[in-house]
Amino acid sequence: MMIMFTVRNAEMKDLPAIIEIYNSTISSRMVTADLEPVSVESRLQWFQEHSPSFRPLWVVEEDGIICGWVSFQSFYGRPAYNGTAEISIYIHQDYRGRKLGNYLIEKALDECPKLGIKTLLGFIFAHNVPSIKLFSRFEFEKWAHLPNIAELDGIERDLVILGKRIY
């Protein structure tokens, strides 16, 4: 039996699972600039800034278990940039390496026209080679390189911005 992934809009009841997945990536120092786990309470405003028709927050489930999530964030917060969004993808460690990232980027790209998104951006640490390779597979290009912009455990890290024009 093949189990299929289901992508749906996140609900408030999903926030603890979203935060658990997010927090599980902090210690790797490859995915996020947070240095300590975040709380559900600290992410309430972030959650509420999402809307299904403009800047969605999706969870992906397999057999009823949340195994990842996708967030669209406004870029720079000014109306002239409404056609541009930043995408973030976080996958539970038990589901990494199963092509879920590919599936989620495809889904995001397919939905961008309906969301009014003409340009999609990924902000990725330069040492996060797996994520850069994932986005590159979908023809995201390096649009910016910000050297030594973050410090993780005493090591300065670069950030790259990958971009793709949708339509």
Protein backbone atom coordinates (compact mmCIF):
# COMPACT_ATOMS: atom_id res chain seq x y z
CA MET A 1 0.00 0.00 0.00
CA MET A 2 1.35 3.41 -1.00
CA ILE A 3 0.75 6.20 1.49
CA MET A 4 0.23 9.61 -0.11
CA PHE A 5 1.18 12.98 1.25
CA THR A 6 -1.63 15.45 1.92
CA VAL A 7 -1.00 19.19 1.91
CA ARG A 8 -3.50 21.44 3.64
CA ASN A 9 -3.72 24.87 5.21
CA ALA A 10 -2.36 24.87 8.74
CA GLU A 11 -4.75 25.29 11.63
CA MET A 12 -3.98 26.62 15.10
CA LYS A 13 -4.02 23.05 16.45
CA ASP A 14 -1.07 22.28 14.12
CA LEU A 15 1.19 24.95 15.59
CA PRO A 16 2.82 22.70 18.24
CA ALA A 17 3.82 20.17 15.54
CA ILE A 18 5.09 22.98 13.29
CA ILE A 19 7.21 24.33 16.15
CA GLU A 20 8.49 20.86 17.05
CA ILE A 21 9.72 20.32 13.48
CA TYR A 22 11.25 23.80 13.38
CA ASN A 23 13.01 23.36 16.72
CA SER A 24 14.45 20.02 15.60
CA THR A 25 16.49 21.85 12.94
CA ILE A 26 18.12 24.41 15.24
CA SER A 27 20.95 22.22 16.54
CA SER A 28 22.21 21.43 13.03
CA ARG A 29 23.13 25.11 12.53
CA MET A 30 22.30 24.67 8.83
CA VAL A 31 18.67 25.69 8.50
CA THR A 32 17.73 28.56 10.80
CA ALA A 33 19.43 31.49 12.49
CA ASP A 34 17.61 30.77 15.75
CA LEU A 35 20.09 29.50 18.31
CA GLU A 36 17.62 28.26 20.94
CA PRO A 37 14.24 26.52 20.60
CA VAL A 38 11.25 28.79 20.10
CA SER A 39 7.93 28.44 21.89
CA VAL A 40 4.47 28.08 20.45
CA GLU A 41 3.53 31.35 22.16
CA SER A 42 6.42 33.20 20.54
CA ARG A 43 5.23 32.12 17.09
CA LEU A 44 1.55 33.03 17.42
CA GLN A 45 1.88 36.35 15.58
CA TRP A 46 3.90 34.66 12.81
CA PHE A 47 1.17 32.02 12.47
CA GLN A 48 -1.56 34.67 12.31
CA GLU A 49 0.28 36.60 9.58
CA HIS A 50 -0.46 33.74 7.18
CA SER A 51 -3.63 33.47 5.13
CA PRO A 52 -4.68 30.71 2.73
CA SER A 53 -5.32 33.10 -0.16
CA PHE A 54 -2.27 35.38 0.15
CA ARG A 55 0.58 33.98 2.27
CA PRO A 56 -0.35 30.43 3.17
CA LEU A 57 1.14 28.18 5.78
CA TRP A 58 0.71 24.55 4.79
CA VAL A 59 1.26 21.36 6.69
CA VAL A 60 1.99 18.12 4.94
CA GLU A 61 0.68 14.90 6.41
CA GLU A 62 1.25 11.26 5.78
CA ASP A 63 -1.30 8.93 7.31
CA GLY A 64 -2.52 11.76 9.56
CA ILE A 65 0.96 12.62 10.91
CA ILE A 66 2.41 16.07 10.22
CA CYS A 67 5.75 15.42 8.57
CA GLY A 68 6.59 18.89 7.30
CA TRP A 69 5.39 22.38 6.57
CA VAL A 70 5.71 25.19 4.05
CA SER A 71 5.49 28.90 4.78
CA PHE A 72 5.11 31.81 2.40
CA GLN A 73 6.26 35.14 3.87
CA SER A 74 5.95 38.60 2.42
CA PHE A 75 9.19 40.09 1.20
CA TYR A 76 10.10 43.40 2.81
CA GLY A 77 6.53 44.12 3.91
CA ARG A 78 5.72 46.89 1.44
CA PRO A 79 2.78 46.71 -1.01
CA ALA A 80 4.96 47.12 -4.12
CA TYR A 81 6.55 43.76 -3.24
CA ASN A 82 3.27 41.82 -2.95
CA GLY A 83 4.19 39.75 -6.02
CA THR A 84 7.31 38.47 -4.24
CA ALA A 85 7.36 35.94 -1.42
CA GLU A 86 9.92 34.01 0.57
CA ILE A 87 9.33 30.30 0.86
CA SER A 88 10.47 28.18 3.81
CA ILE A 89 10.26 24.40 3.90
CA TYR A 90 10.83 22.33 7.03
CA ILE A 91 10.67 18.54 7.05
CA HIS A 92 10.55 16.25 10.07
CA GLN A 93 13.83 14.36 10.40
CA ASP A 94 12.08 10.99 9.92
CA TYR A 95 10.83 12.12 6.49
CA ARG A 96 13.98 13.66 5.06
CA GLY A 97 15.49 11.94 2.05
CA ARG A 98 12.10 10.79 0.73
CA LYS A 99 11.72 13.46 -1.98
CA LEU A 100 9.22 15.40 0.13
CA GLY A 101 11.14 18.63 -0.53
CA ASN A 102 10.75 18.10 -4.28
CA TYR A 103 7.04 17.49 -3.85
CA LEU A 104 6.58 20.63 -1.75
CA ILE A 105 8.49 22.92 -4.09
CA GLU A 106 6.47 21.60 -7.04
CA LYS A 107 3.25 22.23 -5.11
CA ALA A 108 4.38 25.73 -4.18
CA LEU A 109 5.35 26.62 -7.74
CA ASP A 110 2.01 25.32 -9.03
CA GLU A 111 0.11 27.48 -6.52
CA CYS A 112 2.09 30.69 -6.99
CA PRO A 113 -0.07 32.07 -9.86
CA LYS A 114 -3.24 31.59 -7.76
CA LEU A 115 -1.53 33.40 -4.87
CA GLY A 116 -0.40 36.30 -7.06
CA ILE A 117 3.25 35.38 -6.51
CA LYS A 118 5.45 36.25 -9.49
CA THR A 119 8.80 35.85 -7.78
CA LEU A 120 9.73 33.23 -5.18
CA LEU A 121 12.80 33.56 -2.94
CA GLY A 122 14.65 31.12 -0.72
CA PHE A 123 16.99 32.42 1.98
CA ILE A 124 19.50 29.62 2.61
CA PHE A 125 22.79 29.40 4.49
CA ALA A 126 25.60 28.86 1.96
CA HIS A 127 26.80 25.76 3.85
CA ASN A 128 23.33 24.14 3.54
CA VAL A 129 24.27 22.30 0.36
CA PRO A 130 21.26 19.91 0.39
CA SER A 131 18.78 22.81 0.39
CA ILE A 132 20.69 24.71 -2.28
CA LYS A 133 20.72 21.60 -4.47
CA LEU A 134 16.99 21.11 -3.89
CA PHE A 135 16.10 24.63 -4.98
CA SER A 136 18.57 24.51 -7.87
CA ARG A 137 16.78 21.44 -9.24
CA PHE A 138 13.78 23.71 -9.77
CA GLU A 139 15.86 26.37 -11.55
CA PHE A 140 16.19 28.77 -8.65
CA GLU A 141 19.27 30.89 -9.25
CA LYS A 142 21.63 32.64 -6.86
CA TRP A 143 20.51 36.25 -6.79
CA ALA A 144 22.48 37.41 -3.75
CA HIS A 145 25.35 36.33 -1.55
CA LEU A 146 25.64 37.94 1.87
CA PRO A 147 29.02 37.00 3.35
CA ASN A 148 29.53 36.44 7.08
CA ILE A 149 26.06 37.73 7.92
CA ALA A 150 25.26 35.21 10.66
CA GLU A 151 27.27 33.83 13.54
CA LEU A 152 26.49 30.28 14.61
CA ASP A 153 28.51 28.94 17.53
CA GLY A 154 31.34 31.38 16.87
CA ILE A 155 31.48 30.60 13.13
CA GLU A 156 30.47 33.31 10.69
CA ARG A 157 28.19 31.99 7.96
CA ASP A 158 27.11 33.29 4.57
CA LEU A 159 23.52 33.57 3.42
CA VAL A 160 22.49 33.14 -0.19
CA ILE A 161 19.22 34.28 -1.67
CA LEU A 162 17.95 32.01 -4.41
CA GLY A 163 15.24 33.36 -6.66
CA LYS A 164 12.92 32.17 -9.36
CA ARG A 165 10.61 34.19 -11.57
CA ILE A 166 7.31 32.32 -11.82
CA TYR A 167 5.48 34.32 -14.51
